[in-house]
Amino acid sequence: MRIAETLVPFIDRGGDVVLRYNAHSMNLYENGEGDDTGHLVKIDWYTRLRKLGKRPSCVPVWLCHGNKRIQGYLHAIPLPEEKAAEARRKAKQRAKDKGRNPSTEALCLSEWVLIFTSLPPEVLCTTTASALYRVRWQVELVIKRLKSLLNVDELRAHKGSKLADLYLHGKLLYAAVLEKMTQSRFADAKRKLDNPRQLTDWRLWKTVADDLKAGIKACFPVDARFADDNIKSLSERPRKRTLQCLPSPIFALLNQCREMALSRV
């Protein structure tokens, strides 16, 4: 599958992953029972999870693509009954929205959190893998900050163009400078995930970003010699619609008022 196509080369080059596993989007394999030939069989997670009996477990697996096979581990964590009931309800609703009934297998899988990792359990046990996965929201918050403060998702270029690539890398470079300045200025702030935190990065980034923008504008003030070029670049692009103006009689009335010193508009 496409996910395995991406993960196998990455792990094969020395990378490691910890990610939520979806049994419908990526196949995992295991050695056949009593088979010493190295032949792998696809894991039926519905059957396997039923055998676990609602116990957190770590299952050795193989991830395959082409002629490559990568050793991995599947951490299976059962949801508490209240959350499991909510997960089943959502699974039923998703199936209903698609005009079908949910399968027994789908309802069973919805009651578990499945985490795939290339790290052995000696390094990352099931309990730690579960806790680490819950921190994934912090990655999404970084992306939200990039969108909110730097408009990283707003590129004034066509998708896939060289200009879009230039815009994106420029904004990412700006984000790297911003983070470096934040680390330097607020070195004592308890903002890292390795200790209890007292604040999030959003306000710090906002403060530094405002200062950085002010500094850039101060270093590159508007040059009057380029005023005409500036106006041209900011002007409306050619289109059928014209910008609104005052009706001629109103404009004549304003001129008359100016001549009579009744208006300075």
C-alpha atoms as a PDB file:
ATOM      1  CA  MET A   1       0.000   0.000   0.000  1.00  0.00           C
ATOM      2  CA  ARG A   2       1.075   3.610  -0.446  1.00  0.00           C
ATOM      3  CA  ILE A   3       1.832   4.122   3.270  1.00  0.00           C
ATOM      4  CA  ALA A   4       4.192   1.131   3.297  1.00  0.00           C
ATOM      5  CA  GLU A   5       5.781   2.484   0.120  1.00  0.00           C
ATOM      6  CA  THR A   6       6.749   5.600   2.094  1.00  0.00           C
ATOM      7  CA  LEU A   7       7.600   4.041   5.460  1.00  0.00           C
ATOM      8  CA  VAL A   8       9.771   1.105   4.359  1.00  0.00           C
ATOM      9  CA  PRO A   9      12.500   3.186   2.622  1.00  0.00           C
ATOM     10  CA  PHE A  10      12.450   5.723   5.481  1.00  0.00           C
ATOM     11  CA  ILE A  11      12.932   3.084   8.200  1.00  0.00           C
ATOM     12  CA  ASP A  12      15.428   1.192   6.033  1.00  0.00           C
ATOM     13  CA  ARG A  13      17.621   4.318   5.951  1.00  0.00           C
ATOM     14  CA  GLY A  14      17.714   4.456   9.761  1.00  0.00           C
ATOM     15  CA  GLY A  15      14.585   6.460  10.564  1.00  0.00           C
ATOM     16  CA  ASP A  16      12.064   5.532  13.224  1.00  0.00           C
ATOM     17  CA  VAL A  17       8.316   6.121  13.367  1.00  0.00           C
ATOM     18  CA  VAL A  18       5.513   6.162  15.917  1.00  0.00           C
ATOM     19  CA  LEU A  19       2.088   6.489  14.291  1.00  0.00           C
ATOM     20  CA  ARG A  20      -1.577   5.571  14.637  1.00  0.00           C
ATOM     21  CA  TYR A  21      -2.275   2.362  12.771  1.00  0.00           C
ATOM     22  CA  ASN A  22      -5.320   1.859  10.574  1.00  0.00           C
ATOM     23  CA  ALA A  23      -5.860  -1.791   9.700  1.00  0.00           C
ATOM     24  CA  HIS A  24      -7.730  -0.778   6.528  1.00  0.00           C
ATOM     25  CA  SER A  25      -4.928   1.375   5.088  1.00  0.00           C
ATOM     26  CA  MET A  26      -1.774  -0.686   5.719  1.00  0.00           C
ATOM     27  CA  ASN A  27      -1.211  -4.427   5.945  1.00  0.00           C
ATOM     28  CA  LEU A  28       1.078  -5.930   8.571  1.00  0.00           C
ATOM     29  CA  TYR A  29       2.418  -9.472   8.555  1.00  0.00           C
ATOM     30  CA  GLU A  30       3.751 -12.138  10.905  1.00  0.00           C
ATOM     31  CA  ASN A  31       5.535 -15.462  10.611  1.00  0.00           C
ATOM     32  CA  GLY A  32       3.172 -18.307   9.877  1.00  0.00           C
ATOM     33  CA  GLU A  33       2.385 -20.459  12.893  1.00  0.00           C
ATOM     34  CA  GLY A  34       4.780 -23.425  12.961  1.00  0.00           C
ATOM     35  CA  ASP A  35       6.414 -22.205   9.736  1.00  0.00           C
ATOM     36  CA  ASP A  36      10.224 -22.030   9.853  1.00  0.00           C
ATOM     37  CA  THR A  37      10.605 -21.090   6.195  1.00  0.00           C
ATOM     38  CA  GLY A  38      10.214 -17.361   6.791  1.00  0.00           C
ATOM     39  CA  HIS A  39       6.902 -17.236   4.954  1.00  0.00           C
ATOM     40  CA  LEU A  40       4.780 -14.307   6.161  1.00  0.00           C
ATOM     41  CA  VAL A  41       1.015 -14.185   6.512  1.00  0.00           C
ATOM     42  CA  LYS A  42      -1.227 -11.138   6.737  1.00  0.00           C
ATOM     43  CA  ILE A  43      -2.496 -10.442  10.252  1.00  0.00           C
ATOM     44  CA  ASP A  44      -6.248 -10.530  10.791  1.00  0.00           C
ATOM     45  CA  TRP A  45      -6.539  -7.882  13.498  1.00  0.00           C
ATOM     46  CA  TYR A  46     -10.154  -8.668  14.303  1.00  0.00           C
ATOM     47  CA  THR A  47      -9.204 -12.218  15.277  1.00  0.00           C
ATOM     48  CA  ARG A  48      -5.986 -11.171  16.989  1.00  0.00           C
ATOM     49  CA  LEU A  49      -7.578  -8.439  19.122  1.00  0.00           C
ATOM     50  CA  ARG A  50     -10.350 -10.751  20.271  1.00  0.00           C
ATOM     51  CA  LYS A  51      -7.684 -13.145  21.553  1.00  0.00           C
ATOM     52  CA  LEU A  52      -5.997 -10.370  23.554  1.00  0.00           C
ATOM     53  CA  GLY A  53      -9.023 -10.077  25.804  1.00  0.00           C
ATOM     54  CA  LYS A  54      -8.920  -6.306  26.413  1.00  0.00           C
ATOM     55  CA  ARG A  55      -5.311  -6.399  27.618  1.00  0.00           C
ATOM     56  CA  PRO A  56      -2.699  -3.879  26.415  1.00  0.00           C
ATOM     57  CA  SER A  57      -0.215  -5.815  24.289  1.00  0.00           C
ATOM     58  CA  CYS A  58       2.772  -5.443  21.999  1.00  0.00           C
ATOM     59  CA  VAL A  59       2.694  -7.618  18.871  1.00  0.00           C
ATOM     60  CA  PRO A  60       5.861  -8.128  16.751  1.00  0.00           C
ATOM     61  CA  VAL A  61       5.004  -7.543  13.084  1.00  0.00           C
ATOM     62  CA  TRP A  62       6.577  -7.160   9.672  1.00  0.00           C
ATOM     63  CA  LEU A  63       6.020  -4.224   7.319  1.00  0.00           C
ATOM     64  CA  CYS A  64       6.621  -5.156   3.688  1.00  0.00           C
ATOM     65  CA  HIS A  65       7.074  -3.372   0.380  1.00  0.00           C
ATOM     66  CA  GLY A  66       8.589  -4.905  -2.723  1.00  0.00           C
ATOM     67  CA  ASN A  67      11.389  -7.239  -1.652  1.00  0.00           C
ATOM     68  CA  LYS A  68      11.962  -5.346   1.602  1.00  0.00           C
ATOM     69  CA  ARG A  69      10.613  -6.384   4.990  1.00  0.00           C
ATOM     70  CA  ILE A  70      10.982  -4.219   8.092  1.00  0.00           C
ATOM     71  CA  GLN A  71      10.599  -5.410  11.681  1.00  0.00           C
ATOM     72  CA  GLY A  72       8.038  -3.402  13.621  1.00  0.00           C
ATOM     73  CA  TYR A  73       5.800  -3.549  16.663  1.00  0.00           C
ATOM     74  CA  LEU A  74       2.083  -2.975  17.033  1.00  0.00           C
ATOM     75  CA  HIS A  75       0.976  -1.663  20.422  1.00  0.00           C
ATOM     76  CA  ALA A  76      -2.699  -2.448  21.041  1.00  0.00           C
ATOM     77  CA  ILE A  77      -4.375  -0.420  23.805  1.00  0.00           C
ATOM     78  CA  PRO A  78      -8.055  -1.066  24.624  1.00  0.00           C
ATOM     79  CA  LEU A  79     -10.198   2.014  25.207  1.00  0.00           C
ATOM     80  CA  PRO A  80     -12.004   2.419  28.553  1.00  0.00           C
ATOM     81  CA  GLU A  81     -15.607   1.244  28.300  1.00  0.00           C
ATOM     82  CA  GLU A  82     -17.048   4.776  28.140  1.00  0.00           C
ATOM     83  CA  LYS A  83     -14.704   5.818  25.321  1.00  0.00           C
ATOM     84  CA  ALA A  84     -15.172   2.478  23.575  1.00  0.00           C
ATOM     85  CA  ALA A  85     -18.941   3.040  23.533  1.00  0.00           C
ATOM     86  CA  GLU A  86     -18.408   6.504  22.048  1.00  0.00           C
ATOM     87  CA  ALA A  87     -16.045   5.071  19.426  1.00  0.00           C
ATOM     88  CA  ARG A  88     -18.651   2.461  18.444  1.00  0.00           C
ATOM     89  CA  ARG A  89     -21.308   5.161  18.169  1.00  0.00           C
ATOM     90  CA  LYS A  90     -19.092   7.210  15.828  1.00  0.00           C
ATOM     91  CA  ALA A  91     -18.285   4.130  13.743  1.00  0.00           C
ATOM     92  CA  LYS A  92     -22.000   3.405  13.351  1.00  0.00           C
ATOM     93  CA  GLN A  93     -22.678   7.028  12.375  1.00  0.00           C
ATOM     94  CA  ARG A  94     -19.909   7.018   9.749  1.00  0.00           C
ATOM     95  CA  ALA A  95     -21.321   3.821   8.262  1.00  0.00           C
ATOM     96  CA  LYS A  96     -24.847   5.267   8.311  1.00  0.00           C
ATOM     97  CA  ASP A  97     -23.648   8.402   6.496  1.00  0.00           C
ATOM     98  CA  LYS A  98     -22.325   6.121   3.752  1.00  0.00           C
ATOM     99  CA  GLY A  99     -25.591   4.195   3.576  1.00  0.00           C
ATOM    100  CA  ARG A 100     -24.433   0.918   5.065  1.00  0.00           C
ATOM    101  CA  ASN A 101     -24.295  -1.006   8.321  1.00  0.00           C
ATOM    102  CA  PRO A 102     -20.990  -1.202  10.209  1.00  0.00           C
ATOM    103  CA  SER A 103     -19.279  -4.584  10.171  1.00  0.00           C
ATOM    104  CA  THR A 104     -18.546  -6.515  13.341  1.00  0.00           C
ATOM    105  CA  GLU A 105     -14.835  -6.177  12.539  1.00  0.00           C
ATOM    106  CA  ALA A 106     -15.069  -2.382  12.231  1.00  0.00           C
ATOM    107  CA  LEU A 107     -16.873  -2.069  15.566  1.00  0.00           C
ATOM    108  CA  CYS A 108     -14.271  -4.267  17.235  1.00  0.00           C
ATOM    109  CA  LEU A 109     -11.348  -2.269  15.821  1.00  0.00           C
ATOM    110  CA  SER A 110     -12.951   1.008  16.912  1.00  0.00           C
ATOM    111  CA  GLU A 111     -12.579  -0.081  20.544  1.00  0.00           C
ATOM    112  CA  TRP A 112      -8.788  -0.100  20.335  1.00  0.00           C
ATOM    113  CA  VAL A 113      -5.967   2.383  19.861  1.00  0.00           C
ATOM    114  CA  LEU A 114      -3.402   0.733  17.587  1.00  0.00           C
ATOM    115  CA  ILE A 115       0.068   2.280  17.409  1.00  0.00           C
ATOM    116  CA  PHE A 116       2.727   1.085  14.987  1.00  0.00           C
ATOM    117  CA  THR A 117       6.385   1.788  15.700  1.00  0.00           C
ATOM    118  CA  SER A 118       9.768   0.667  14.435  1.00  0.00           C
ATOM    119  CA  LEU A 119      11.213   1.028  17.952  1.00  0.00           C
ATOM    120  CA  PRO A 120      11.545  -2.185  19.987  1.00  0.00           C
ATOM    121  CA  PRO A 121       9.584  -2.472  23.261  1.00  0.00           C
ATOM    122  CA  GLU A 122      12.868  -2.303  25.193  1.00  0.00           C
ATOM    123  CA  VAL A 123      13.070   1.317  23.994  1.00  0.00           C
ATOM    124  CA  LEU A 124       9.364   2.171  23.777  1.00  0.00           C
ATOM    125  CA  CYS A 125       6.979   0.070  25.844  1.00  0.00           C
ATOM    126  CA  THR A 126       3.223   0.009  25.296  1.00  0.00           C
ATOM    127  CA  THR A 127       2.470   2.444  28.136  1.00  0.00           C
ATOM    128  CA  THR A 128       5.038   4.976  26.898  1.00  0.00           C
ATOM    129  CA  ALA A 129       3.938   4.588  23.271  1.00  0.00           C
ATOM    130  CA  SER A 130       0.360   5.378  24.295  1.00  0.00           C
ATOM    131  CA  ALA A 131       1.437   8.460  26.275  1.00  0.00           C
ATOM    132  CA  LEU A 132       3.684   9.654  23.432  1.00  0.00           C
ATOM    133  CA  TYR A 133       0.891   9.302  20.886  1.00  0.00           C
ATOM    134  CA  ARG A 134      -1.366  11.556  22.949  1.00  0.00           C
ATOM    135  CA  VAL A 135       1.238  14.340  22.617  1.00  0.00           C
ATOM    136  CA  ARG A 136       0.758  14.381  18.817  1.00  0.00           C
ATOM    137  CA  TRP A 137      -1.620  17.343  19.258  1.00  0.00           C
ATOM    138  CA  GLN A 138       1.437  19.546  19.913  1.00  0.00           C
ATOM    139  CA  VAL A 139       2.620  18.920  16.344  1.00  0.00           C
ATOM    140  CA  GLU A 140      -0.762  20.049  15.027  1.00  0.00           C
ATOM    141  CA  LEU A 141      -0.537  23.181  17.186  1.00  0.00           C
ATOM    142  CA  VAL A 142       2.798  24.069  15.556  1.00  0.00           C
ATOM    143  CA  ILE A 143       1.137  23.831  12.135  1.00  0.00           C
ATOM    144  CA  LYS A 144      -1.756  25.982  13.382  1.00  0.00           C
ATOM    145  CA  ARG A 145       0.720  28.626  14.602  1.00  0.00           C
ATOM    146  CA  LEU A 146       2.473  28.633  11.234  1.00  0.00           C
ATOM    147  CA  LYS A 147      -0.879  29.228   9.536  1.00  0.00           C
ATOM    148  CA  SER A 148      -2.120  31.818  12.030  1.00  0.00           C
ATOM    149  CA  LEU A 149       1.011  33.933  12.499  1.00  0.00           C
ATOM    150  CA  LEU A 150       2.896  33.405   9.232  1.00  0.00           C
ATOM    151  CA  ASN A 151       0.070  32.505   6.821  1.00  0.00           C
ATOM    152  CA  VAL A 152       2.245  29.598   5.712  1.00  0.00           C
ATOM    153  CA  ASP A 153      -0.729  28.096   3.846  1.00  0.00           C
ATOM    154  CA  GLU A 154      -1.352  31.268   1.811  1.00  0.00           C
ATOM    155  CA  LEU A 155       1.061  31.277  -1.127  1.00  0.00           C
ATOM    156  CA  ARG A 156       0.585  33.849  -3.884  1.00  0.00           C
ATOM    157  CA  ALA A 157       1.462  31.345  -6.580  1.00  0.00           C
ATOM    158  CA  HIS A 158       0.076  28.372  -8.461  1.00  0.00           C
ATOM    159  CA  LYS A 159       0.363  24.968  -6.798  1.00  0.00           C
ATOM    160  CA  GLY A 160       3.470  23.093  -7.895  1.00  0.00           C
ATOM    161  CA  SER A 161       5.146  26.142  -9.440  1.00  0.00           C
ATOM    162  CA  LYS A 162       8.708  27.249  -8.692  1.00  0.00           C
ATOM    163  CA  LEU A 163       7.314  30.457  -7.213  1.00  0.00           C
ATOM    164  CA  ALA A 164       5.162  28.456  -4.770  1.00  0.00           C
ATOM    165  CA  ASP A 165       8.246  26.472  -3.763  1.00  0.00           C
ATOM    166  CA  LEU A 166      10.144  29.727  -3.212  1.00  0.00           C
ATOM    167  CA  TYR A 167       7.313  31.215  -1.136  1.00  0.00           C
ATOM    168  CA  LEU A 168       7.022  28.100   1.038  1.00  0.00           C
ATOM    169  CA  HIS A 169      10.744  27.758   1.726  1.00  0.00           C
ATOM    170  CA  GLY A 170      10.977  31.473   2.459  1.00  0.00           C
ATOM    171  CA  LYS A 171       8.196  31.219   5.045  1.00  0.00           C
ATOM    172  CA  LEU A 172       9.751  28.118   6.607  1.00  0.00           C
ATOM    173  CA  LEU A 173      13.079  29.942   6.847  1.00  0.00           C
ATOM    174  CA  TYR A 174      11.275  32.843   8.521  1.00  0.00           C
ATOM    175  CA  ALA A 175       9.686  30.370  10.958  1.00  0.00           C
ATOM    176  CA  ALA A 176      13.114  28.904  11.784  1.00  0.00           C
ATOM    177  CA  VAL A 177      14.504  32.389  12.486  1.00  0.00           C
ATOM    178  CA  LEU A 178      11.438  33.155  14.597  1.00  0.00           C
ATOM    179  CA  GLU A 179      11.891  30.008  16.699  1.00  0.00           C
ATOM    180  CA  LYS A 180      15.616  30.711  17.150  1.00  0.00           C
ATOM    181  CA  MET A 181      14.887  34.243  18.369  1.00  0.00           C
ATOM    182  CA  THR A 182      12.151  32.944  20.683  1.00  0.00           C
ATOM    183  CA  GLN A 183      14.558  30.441  22.233  1.00  0.00           C
ATOM    184  CA  SER A 184      17.161  33.156  22.759  1.00  0.00           C
ATOM    185  CA  ARG A 185      14.855  35.817  24.193  1.00  0.00           C
ATOM    186  CA  PHE A 186      12.731  33.563  26.391  1.00  0.00           C
ATOM    187  CA  ALA A 187      15.366  31.036  27.436  1.00  0.00           C
ATOM    188  CA  ASP A 188      13.954  30.833  30.969  1.00  0.00           C
ATOM    189  CA  ALA A 189      10.335  30.301  29.907  1.00  0.00           C
ATOM    190  CA  LYS A 190       8.945  26.886  30.761  1.00  0.00           C
ATOM    191  CA  ARG A 191       7.730  26.057  27.273  1.00  0.00           C
ATOM    192  CA  LYS A 192       9.387  22.744  26.437  1.00  0.00           C
ATOM    193  CA  LEU A 193       7.564  19.430  26.569  1.00  0.00           C
ATOM    194  CA  ASP A 194      10.218  17.763  28.748  1.00  0.00           C
ATOM    195  CA  ASN A 195       9.032  19.627  31.882  1.00  0.00           C
ATOM    196  CA  PRO A 196       5.775  21.057  33.280  1.00  0.00           C
ATOM    197  CA  ARG A 197       4.957  24.127  31.172  1.00  0.00           C
ATOM    198  CA  GLN A 198       3.736  27.549  32.275  1.00  0.00           C
ATOM    199  CA  LEU A 199       2.755  28.858  28.825  1.00  0.00           C
ATOM    200  CA  THR A 200       2.340  27.914  25.181  1.00  0.00           C
ATOM    201  CA  ASP A 201       4.462  29.147  22.287  1.00  0.00           C
ATOM    202  CA  TRP A 202       1.674  31.144  20.616  1.00  0.00           C
ATOM    203  CA  ARG A 203       2.075  34.411  22.569  1.00  0.00           C
ATOM    204  CA  LEU A 204       5.870  34.155  22.450  1.00  0.00           C
ATOM    205  CA  TRP A 205       5.861  33.679  18.684  1.00  0.00           C
ATOM    206  CA  LYS A 206       3.385  36.549  18.270  1.00  0.00           C
ATOM    207  CA  THR A 207       5.577  38.898  20.324  1.00  0.00           C
ATOM    208  CA  VAL A 208       8.774  38.012  18.477  1.00  0.00           C
ATOM    209  CA  ALA A 209       7.045  38.041  15.061  1.00  0.00           C
ATOM    210  CA  ASP A 210       5.749  41.589  15.629  1.00  0.00           C
ATOM    211  CA  ASP A 211       9.228  42.765  16.673  1.00  0.00           C
ATOM    212  CA  LEU A 212      10.852  41.022  13.722  1.00  0.00           C
ATOM    213  CA  LYS A 213       8.440  42.608  11.243  1.00  0.00           C
ATOM    214  CA  ALA A 214       9.078  46.037  12.766  1.00  0.00           C
ATOM    215  CA  GLY A 215      12.832  45.472  12.495  1.00  0.00           C
ATOM    216  CA  ILE A 216      12.609  44.440   8.851  1.00  0.00           C
ATOM    217  CA  LYS A 217      10.524  47.506   8.000  1.00  0.00           C
ATOM    218  CA  ALA A 218      12.996  49.751   9.837  1.00  0.00           C
ATOM    219  CA  CYS A 219      15.922  48.321   7.861  1.00  0.00           C
ATOM    220  CA  PHE A 220      14.126  48.680   4.548  1.00  0.00           C
ATOM    221  CA  PRO A 221      12.127  51.941   4.679  1.00  0.00           C
ATOM    222  CA  VAL A 222       9.945  52.919   1.753  1.00  0.00           C
ATOM    223  CA  ASP A 223      12.025  54.762  -0.851  1.00  0.00           C
ATOM    224  CA  ALA A 224      10.143  57.657  -2.487  1.00  0.00           C
ATOM    225  CA  ARG A 225      11.957  56.967  -5.767  1.00  0.00           C
ATOM    226  CA  PHE A 226      10.025  53.743  -6.158  1.00  0.00           C
ATOM    227  CA  ALA A 227       6.592  55.144  -5.275  1.00  0.00           C
ATOM    228  CA  ASP A 228       5.284  54.795  -8.839  1.00  0.00           C
ATOM    229  CA  ASP A 229       6.445  51.172  -9.069  1.00  0.00           C
ATOM    230  CA  ASN A 230       4.919  50.507  -5.665  1.00  0.00           C
ATOM    231  CA  ILE A 231       1.551  51.909  -6.747  1.00  0.00           C
ATOM    232  CA  LYS A 232       1.685  49.865  -9.950  1.00  0.00           C
ATOM    233  CA  SER A 233       2.367  46.613  -8.079  1.00  0.00           C
ATOM    234  CA  LEU A 234      -0.508  47.305  -5.666  1.00  0.00           C
ATOM    235  CA  SER A 235      -3.010  48.297  -8.349  1.00  0.00           C
ATOM    236  CA  GLU A 236      -5.996  46.160  -9.330  1.00  0.00           C
ATOM    237  CA  ARG A 237      -5.323  43.501 -11.937  1.00  0.00           C
ATOM    238  CA  PRO A 238      -7.064  43.898 -15.326  1.00  0.00           C
ATOM    239  CA  ARG A 239     -10.675  42.800 -15.081  1.00  0.00           C
ATOM    240  CA  LYS A 240     -14.111  43.626 -16.510  1.00  0.00           C
ATOM    241  CA  ARG A 241     -15.299  45.248 -13.293  1.00  0.00           C
ATOM    242  CA  THR A 242     -14.138  48.840 -12.736  1.00  0.00           C
ATOM    243  CA  LEU A 243     -13.637  50.433  -9.342  1.00  0.00           C
ATOM    244  CA  GLN A 244     -16.518  52.641  -8.223  1.00  0.00           C
ATOM    245  CA  CYS A 245     -16.286  56.436  -8.420  1.00  0.00           C
ATOM    246  CA  LEU A 246     -18.593  59.270  -7.408  1.00  0.00           C
ATOM    247  CA  PRO A 247     -21.255  60.319  -9.929  1.00  0.00           C
ATOM    248  CA  SER A 248     -20.185  63.328 -11.984  1.00  0.00           C
ATOM    249  CA  PRO A 249     -22.870  65.671 -10.500  1.00  0.00           C
ATOM    250  CA  ILE A 250     -21.664  64.887  -6.963  1.00  0.00           C
ATOM    251  CA  PHE A 251     -18.076  65.466  -7.976  1.00  0.00           C
ATOM    252  CA  ALA A 252     -19.057  68.838  -9.504  1.00  0.00           C
ATOM    253  CA  LEU A 253     -20.914  69.737  -6.294  1.00  0.00           C
ATOM    254  CA  LEU A 254     -17.816  68.967  -4.212  1.00  0.00           C
ATOM    255  CA  ASN A 255     -15.702  71.189  -6.449  1.00  0.00           C
ATOM    256  CA  GLN A 256     -18.222  74.000  -6.054  1.00  0.00           C
ATOM    257  CA  CYS A 257     -18.164  73.620  -2.270  1.00  0.00           C
ATOM    258  CA  ARG A 258     -14.359  73.770  -2.277  1.00  0.00           C
ATOM    259  CA  GLU A 259     -14.413  76.968  -4.336  1.00  0.00           C
ATOM    260  CA  MET A 260     -16.853  78.499  -1.851  1.00  0.00           C
ATOM    261  CA  ALA A 261     -14.649  77.376   1.048  1.00  0.00           C
ATOM    262  CA  LEU A 262     -17.518  75.251   2.344  1.00  0.00           C
ATOM    263  CA  SER A 263     -15.612  71.972   2.160  1.00  0.00           C
ATOM    264  CA  ARG A 264     -12.073  70.677   2.317  1.00  0.00           C
ATOM    265  CA  VAL A 265     -12.958  67.178   1.098  1.00  0.00           C
END
